[in-house]
Structures are given as C-alpha cells and as structure tokens.
Amino acid sequence: IALALIVGRYFCAWICPLGTLQELARKIGQQFFRKVQITLPAMIDQPLRWRKYVVLAWALYFTWKTGTLIIRPYDPWAAYAHGFAGWDEVWKEFSVGASILISSLVIGVFVDRVFCKYLCPLGAFLGITAKLGLFSIKRNCDGCLSCNKCEKTCPVGIKIESLPVVHSAECIGCLTCTTA
C-alpha cells in the first residue's frame, strides 16, 4: 500500500509475475501475429475495465463473510505459484485459476494485458490507492510532437496525448510512454 501511495501501480509493471507473463504473451503475439493484434473499442473496453472492481468487491465481501480467502481457488497467481508442485496439485486445487491463467495468456497474445485491465483485483486495489499517489507521469506539452507514439505503446491503452498529467488508476507505471 505504501509503495502504491508513492509510485502508483508500480508493482503491476515491475514486480507482478502475471504482468511479466502477459508482457511475454504480448511480445509473442506481436512477433508472430502482428496483423491480428486487437484493440477493443472504447464502448466495450471501458465497461470491461470496471469488472476488476467488481471482482475486488466480491472477493473482499465474501472473504469477510466467510473468514477465509474466498478468491484463492480462482486466483491465476496462486495457480502459477503452485505450478512447480505439479500439474495434479494445480488442477485439483486451482483448476479455475489455472484456466483463467491459461485463457488470459492465450487471449493476451492478441489483446494486451487482458487480465490486468479487466479482472485483476489487486490491480483494482492498487489503482484506487494510486489515485492518491505522490508521483505521476507528466507529459512535456511544449516538446510533444503529437505523434501518438506514447499512446500506441501504452500496454493499458491510456489516452496520454490528451492529458498533461497521467494520473489514471489504469496507469501501471511501466514508463513505456516516456521512452517512446
């Protein structure tokens, strides 16, 4: 929480193993399926982004009501972490989480960071705390060439060109916009 309050969703871009796997899926997709990269239209994308907040609310409510971590069997991160224990254990305890993991990676070949953008409850929580963050990406309006490279490289699809300061809950702090 402290890290999110200081640097936003830094964890999502630099530490999260699912983010790393999705980035790898994206690179594979760009390498082998360049012509089938899909960007969802805003009228579909924006409502889908609220799903992660619904998942967060569901997980918090039912965890509080039951006194147990209710999301555990559905968590692709837990399925990934238990992957080294063997496929039998993963499939027995985390079949839904493993299915979500595999599905998000397959879809991630064509749609950038699908799990992060639409389902991740940790990303939703960090996004809420990131809105209070101390640091954010500032666009150099005077030096901007309006080439849209920053927007094209953003893995979460933020419309950077129209913002003087990127203070979005969706920003994962990967800094690809600044290098572009």
Protein backbone atom coordinates (compact mmCIF):
# COMPACT_ATOMS: atom_id res chain seq x y z
CA ILE A 1 0.00 0.00 0.00
CA ALA A 2 2.85 2.36 0.88
CA LEU A 3 4.53 1.70 -2.46
CA ALA A 4 1.25 2.35 -4.31
CA LEU A 5 0.75 5.61 -2.42
CA ILE A 6 4.20 6.76 -3.51
CA VAL A 7 4.62 5.43 -7.07
CA GLY A 8 1.16 4.19 -8.08
CA ARG A 9 0.69 0.77 -9.66
CA TYR A 10 4.45 0.27 -9.99
CA PHE A 11 4.02 -3.28 -8.68
CA CYS A 12 1.89 -4.21 -11.71
CA ALA A 13 4.54 -3.27 -14.27
CA TRP A 14 7.75 -4.15 -12.49
CA ILE A 15 7.11 -6.91 -9.94
CA CYS A 16 3.92 -8.87 -10.71
CA PRO A 17 4.68 -12.27 -12.27
CA LEU A 18 1.34 -12.26 -14.13
CA GLY A 19 2.21 -8.90 -15.65
CA THR A 20 5.50 -10.38 -16.80
CA LEU A 21 3.75 -13.40 -18.33
CA GLN A 22 1.23 -11.16 -20.08
CA GLU A 23 4.03 -8.96 -21.41
CA LEU A 24 5.70 -12.09 -22.77
CA ALA A 25 2.41 -13.18 -24.38
CA ARG A 26 2.10 -9.72 -25.96
CA LYS A 27 5.62 -9.89 -27.37
CA ILE A 28 4.93 -13.34 -28.82
CA GLY A 29 1.72 -12.01 -30.33
CA GLN A 30 3.46 -9.01 -31.85
CA GLN A 31 6.20 -11.22 -33.25
CA PHE A 32 4.05 -13.95 -34.79
CA PHE A 33 0.56 -12.46 -35.12
CA ARG A 34 1.30 -8.80 -35.84
CA LYS A 35 -1.70 -8.43 -38.15
CA VAL A 36 -4.18 -9.81 -35.61
CA GLN A 37 -3.43 -7.53 -32.65
CA ILE A 38 -6.80 -6.44 -31.28
CA THR A 39 -7.64 -3.14 -29.63
CA LEU A 40 -11.12 -3.20 -28.18
CA PRO A 41 -13.36 -0.23 -29.00
CA ALA A 42 -13.84 2.21 -26.10
CA MET A 43 -17.53 1.34 -25.76
CA ILE A 44 -16.52 -2.26 -24.94
CA ASP A 45 -13.18 -1.59 -23.25
CA GLN A 46 -14.33 0.98 -20.69
CA PRO A 47 -17.21 -1.08 -19.18
CA LEU A 48 -14.99 -4.19 -19.08
CA ARG A 49 -12.39 -2.28 -17.03
CA TRP A 50 -14.93 -1.95 -14.19
CA ARG A 51 -15.03 -5.75 -13.86
CA LYS A 52 -11.82 -5.81 -11.81
CA TYR A 53 -13.50 -3.55 -9.23
CA VAL A 54 -16.48 -5.92 -9.12
CA VAL A 55 -14.08 -8.85 -8.60
CA LEU A 56 -12.33 -6.90 -5.82
CA ALA A 57 -15.64 -6.08 -4.10
CA TRP A 58 -16.81 -9.70 -4.45
CA ALA A 59 -13.55 -11.06 -3.03
CA LEU A 60 -13.48 -8.63 -0.10
CA TYR A 61 -17.15 -9.15 0.79
CA PHE A 62 -17.13 -12.94 0.70
CA THR A 63 -13.74 -13.18 2.39
CA TRP A 64 -15.10 -11.03 5.20
CA LYS A 65 -18.34 -13.05 5.38
CA THR A 66 -16.70 -16.50 5.34
CA GLY A 67 -13.48 -15.71 7.20
CA THR A 68 -11.44 -17.45 4.50
CA LEU A 69 -9.67 -16.18 1.39
CA ILE A 70 -12.52 -16.92 -0.99
CA ILE A 71 -10.65 -15.95 -4.17
CA ARG A 72 -7.83 -18.47 -3.69
CA PRO A 73 -9.15 -21.25 -5.99
CA TYR A 74 -9.93 -18.66 -8.70
CA ASP A 75 -6.60 -16.86 -8.46
CA PRO A 76 -4.34 -17.33 -11.51
CA TRP A 77 -1.41 -16.01 -9.47
CA ALA A 78 -1.88 -18.83 -6.93
CA ALA A 79 -2.19 -21.34 -9.77
CA TYR A 80 1.03 -20.04 -11.30
CA ALA A 81 2.84 -20.08 -7.94
CA HIS A 82 1.79 -23.68 -7.32
CA GLY A 83 2.75 -24.74 -10.85
CA PHE A 84 6.07 -26.15 -9.70
CA ALA A 85 4.27 -28.54 -7.33
CA GLY A 86 2.97 -30.46 -10.32
CA TRP A 87 0.01 -30.32 -12.66
CA ASP A 88 -2.11 -32.66 -10.49
CA GLU A 89 -1.98 -30.34 -7.49
CA VAL A 90 -2.61 -27.25 -9.61
CA TRP A 91 -5.56 -28.80 -11.39
CA LYS A 92 -7.03 -30.26 -8.20
CA GLU A 93 -6.84 -27.07 -6.10
CA PHE A 94 -6.69 -24.29 -8.69
CA SER A 95 -8.48 -25.55 -11.80
CA VAL A 96 -10.44 -22.31 -12.25
CA GLY A 97 -7.36 -20.16 -11.51
CA ALA A 98 -5.27 -22.22 -13.93
CA SER A 99 -7.99 -21.90 -16.57
CA ILE A 100 -8.08 -18.12 -16.09
CA LEU A 101 -4.28 -18.01 -16.29
CA ILE A 102 -4.10 -20.05 -19.49
CA SER A 103 -7.04 -18.19 -21.07
CA SER A 104 -5.62 -14.77 -20.24
CA LEU A 105 -2.24 -15.73 -21.71
CA VAL A 106 -3.79 -17.10 -24.90
CA ILE A 107 -6.03 -14.04 -25.28
CA GLY A 108 -3.05 -11.89 -24.27
CA VAL A 109 -1.30 -12.90 -27.47
CA PHE A 110 -3.92 -10.82 -29.29
CA VAL A 111 -5.23 -8.36 -26.64
CA ASP A 112 -2.70 -6.52 -24.47
CA ARG A 113 -2.76 -7.31 -20.71
CA VAL A 114 -6.27 -8.69 -20.68
CA PHE A 115 -6.14 -9.96 -17.09
CA CYS A 116 -4.58 -6.75 -15.72
CA LYS A 117 -7.10 -4.50 -17.44
CA TYR A 118 -10.29 -6.47 -16.87
CA LEU A 119 -10.02 -8.95 -13.96
CA CYS A 120 -7.16 -8.31 -11.53
CA PRO A 121 -8.49 -7.41 -8.07
CA LEU A 122 -5.01 -6.45 -6.83
CA GLY A 123 -4.66 -4.06 -9.77
CA ALA A 124 -8.07 -2.58 -8.87
CA PHE A 125 -6.98 -2.06 -5.27
CA LEU A 126 -3.62 -0.59 -6.28
CA GLY A 127 -5.40 1.62 -8.81
CA ILE A 128 -7.58 3.07 -6.07
CA THR A 129 -4.59 3.80 -3.83
CA ALA A 130 -2.56 5.08 -6.82
CA LYS A 131 -5.06 7.90 -7.31
CA LEU A 132 -3.62 9.29 -4.07
CA GLY A 133 -0.02 8.69 -5.21
CA LEU A 134 2.72 11.27 -4.96
CA PHE A 135 4.25 10.68 -8.39
CA SER A 136 2.71 10.60 -11.83
CA ILE A 137 3.87 10.84 -15.42
CA LYS A 138 3.87 14.38 -16.76
CA ARG A 139 3.72 14.97 -20.49
CA ASN A 140 6.04 17.62 -21.88
CA CYS A 141 3.40 19.59 -23.80
CA ASP A 142 5.96 22.01 -25.27
CA GLY A 143 8.20 19.25 -26.64
CA CYS A 144 5.35 16.98 -27.74
CA LEU A 145 5.27 16.27 -31.48
CA SER A 146 1.70 14.85 -31.33
CA CYS A 147 2.94 11.64 -32.96
CA ASN A 148 0.87 9.42 -30.60
CA LYS A 149 3.78 7.04 -30.04
CA CYS A 150 3.17 7.28 -26.30
CA GLU A 151 -0.44 6.11 -26.73
CA LYS A 152 0.47 3.35 -29.17
CA THR A 153 3.00 1.84 -26.77
CA CYS A 154 0.86 2.09 -23.62
CA PRO A 155 0.01 -1.51 -22.63
CA VAL A 156 -3.17 -0.44 -20.81
CA GLY A 157 -4.42 1.92 -23.52
CA ILE A 158 -4.39 5.27 -21.72
CA LYS A 159 -5.08 8.27 -23.99
CA ILE A 160 -1.88 10.07 -22.99
CA GLU A 161 -1.96 12.59 -25.85
CA SER A 162 -4.90 14.45 -24.29
CA LEU A 163 -3.52 14.54 -20.73
CA PRO A 164 -0.98 16.98 -19.30
CA VAL A 165 -0.51 14.62 -16.33
CA VAL A 166 -1.23 10.88 -16.39
CA HIS A 167 -2.95 10.33 -13.08
CA SER A 168 -5.13 7.41 -14.12
CA ALA A 169 -5.93 4.43 -11.91
CA GLU A 170 -5.18 2.33 -15.01
CA CYS A 171 -1.56 3.52 -15.34
CA ILE A 172 0.79 0.73 -14.29
CA GLY A 173 3.90 2.92 -14.27
CA CYS A 174 5.77 0.89 -16.86
CA LEU A 175 7.24 4.07 -18.40
CA THR A 176 6.95 2.80 -22.00
CA CYS A 177 5.18 6.05 -22.91
CA THR A 178 8.13 8.11 -21.70
CA THR A 179 10.66 6.06 -23.66
CA ALA A 180 8.53 6.23 -26.82
